[in-house]
Amino acid sequence: MKKHFIDIKNFKKKQIDEIINLAKKIKKNPKKFSSICKNYTLGMIFEKQSLRTRLSFNVGMQKLGGNV
């Protein structure tokens, strides 16, 4: 079952370490993960306007093959 990352307090240290290790693998070999988010859509809600953050998430999701 997929777990949504809403609050870091909901995760154990081991789970956070696994997320970071996966991020390192993706950064090392992005082409291998270019369709990992295919058929997924990322919805974003920000309390305050943040163009840089929004664009970063946008680009990241698209590089993983998903939609925003």
C-alpha atoms as a PDB file:
ATOM      1  CA  MET A   1       0.000   0.000   0.000  1.00  0.00           C
ATOM      2  CA  LYS A   2       1.268   3.422  -0.944  1.00  0.00           C
ATOM      3  CA  LYS A   3       1.918   5.793   1.954  1.00  0.00           C
ATOM      4  CA  HIS A   4       1.478   9.517   1.380  1.00  0.00           C
ATOM      5  CA  PHE A   5       4.196  11.839   2.657  1.00  0.00           C
ATOM      6  CA  ILE A   6       2.203  14.449   4.548  1.00  0.00           C
ATOM      7  CA  ASP A   7       4.212  14.763   7.774  1.00  0.00           C
ATOM      8  CA  ILE A   8       7.708  13.470   8.515  1.00  0.00           C
ATOM      9  CA  LYS A   9       6.510  12.486  12.008  1.00  0.00           C
ATOM     10  CA  ASN A  10       4.482   9.668  10.419  1.00  0.00           C
ATOM     11  CA  PHE A  11       7.669   7.884   9.310  1.00  0.00           C
ATOM     12  CA  LYS A  12      10.272   5.882  11.180  1.00  0.00           C
ATOM     13  CA  LYS A  13      13.987   6.623  10.753  1.00  0.00           C
ATOM     14  CA  LYS A  14      14.463   3.474   8.662  1.00  0.00           C
ATOM     15  CA  GLN A  15      11.718   4.580   6.255  1.00  0.00           C
ATOM     16  CA  ILE A  16      13.268   8.048   5.879  1.00  0.00           C
ATOM     17  CA  ASP A  17      16.650   6.428   5.177  1.00  0.00           C
ATOM     18  CA  GLU A  18      15.046   4.262   2.464  1.00  0.00           C
ATOM     19  CA  ILE A  19      13.477   7.329   0.840  1.00  0.00           C
ATOM     20  CA  ILE A  20      16.824   9.153   0.833  1.00  0.00           C
ATOM     21  CA  ASN A  21      18.638   6.119  -0.605  1.00  0.00           C
ATOM     22  CA  LEU A  22      16.057   5.851  -3.392  1.00  0.00           C
ATOM     23  CA  ALA A  23      16.472   9.570  -4.143  1.00  0.00           C
ATOM     24  CA  LYS A  24      20.237   9.035  -4.453  1.00  0.00           C
ATOM     25  CA  LYS A  25      19.684   6.137  -6.887  1.00  0.00           C
ATOM     26  CA  ILE A  26      17.318   8.269  -8.989  1.00  0.00           C
ATOM     27  CA  LYS A  27      19.814  11.128  -9.058  1.00  0.00           C
ATOM     28  CA  LYS A  28      22.624   8.761 -10.140  1.00  0.00           C
ATOM     29  CA  ASN A  29      20.641   7.161 -12.965  1.00  0.00           C
ATOM     30  CA  PRO A  30      17.604   9.325 -13.888  1.00  0.00           C
ATOM     31  CA  LYS A  31      16.892   7.552 -17.205  1.00  0.00           C
ATOM     32  CA  LYS A  32      16.247   4.286 -15.349  1.00  0.00           C
ATOM     33  CA  PHE A  33      13.432   5.989 -13.413  1.00  0.00           C
ATOM     34  CA  SER A  34      12.027   8.143 -16.244  1.00  0.00           C
ATOM     35  CA  SER A  35       8.647   6.382 -16.246  1.00  0.00           C
ATOM     36  CA  ILE A  36       8.287   5.371 -12.589  1.00  0.00           C
ATOM     37  CA  CYS A  37       5.403   7.847 -12.096  1.00  0.00           C
ATOM     38  CA  LYS A  38       3.617   7.069 -15.366  1.00  0.00           C
ATOM     39  CA  ASN A  39      -0.175   7.253 -14.909  1.00  0.00           C
ATOM     40  CA  TYR A  40       0.226   9.260 -11.684  1.00  0.00           C
ATOM     41  CA  THR A  41      -0.822  12.856 -11.171  1.00  0.00           C
ATOM     42  CA  LEU A  42       0.668  15.167  -8.537  1.00  0.00           C
ATOM     43  CA  GLY A  43      -1.663  17.699  -6.975  1.00  0.00           C
ATOM     44  CA  MET A  44       0.002  20.648  -5.255  1.00  0.00           C
ATOM     45  CA  ILE A  45      -1.434  23.048  -2.700  1.00  0.00           C
ATOM     46  CA  PHE A  46       0.761  25.776  -1.229  1.00  0.00           C
ATOM     47  CA  GLU A  47      -0.150  28.070   1.657  1.00  0.00           C
ATOM     48  CA  LYS A  48       1.923  30.842   0.125  1.00  0.00           C
ATOM     49  CA  GLN A  49       2.891  31.511  -3.466  1.00  0.00           C
ATOM     50  CA  SER A  50       6.193  29.931  -4.351  1.00  0.00           C
ATOM     51  CA  LEU A  51       7.042  29.871  -8.029  1.00  0.00           C
ATOM     52  CA  ARG A  52      10.432  28.205  -7.504  1.00  0.00           C
ATOM     53  CA  THR A  53       8.967  25.392  -5.375  1.00  0.00           C
ATOM     54  CA  ARG A  54       6.056  24.821  -7.739  1.00  0.00           C
ATOM     55  CA  LEU A  55       8.336  24.667 -10.765  1.00  0.00           C
ATOM     56  CA  SER A  56      10.746  22.307  -8.992  1.00  0.00           C
ATOM     57  CA  PHE A  57       7.934  19.870  -8.213  1.00  0.00           C
ATOM     58  CA  ASN A  58       6.572  20.275 -11.741  1.00  0.00           C
ATOM     59  CA  VAL A  59       9.886  19.466 -13.397  1.00  0.00           C
ATOM     60  CA  GLY A  60      10.626  16.607 -10.983  1.00  0.00           C
ATOM     61  CA  MET A  61       7.295  14.899 -11.595  1.00  0.00           C
ATOM     62  CA  GLN A  62       7.588  15.294 -15.360  1.00  0.00           C
ATOM     63  CA  LYS A  63      11.102  13.823 -15.323  1.00  0.00           C
ATOM     64  CA  LEU A  64       9.631  10.774 -13.579  1.00  0.00           C
ATOM     65  CA  GLY A  65       6.966  10.442 -16.281  1.00  0.00           C
ATOM     66  CA  GLY A  66       4.022  11.779 -14.285  1.00  0.00           C
ATOM     67  CA  ASN A  67       1.571  14.641 -14.647  1.00  0.00           C
ATOM     68  CA  VAL A  68       1.001  17.742 -12.552  1.00  0.00           C
END
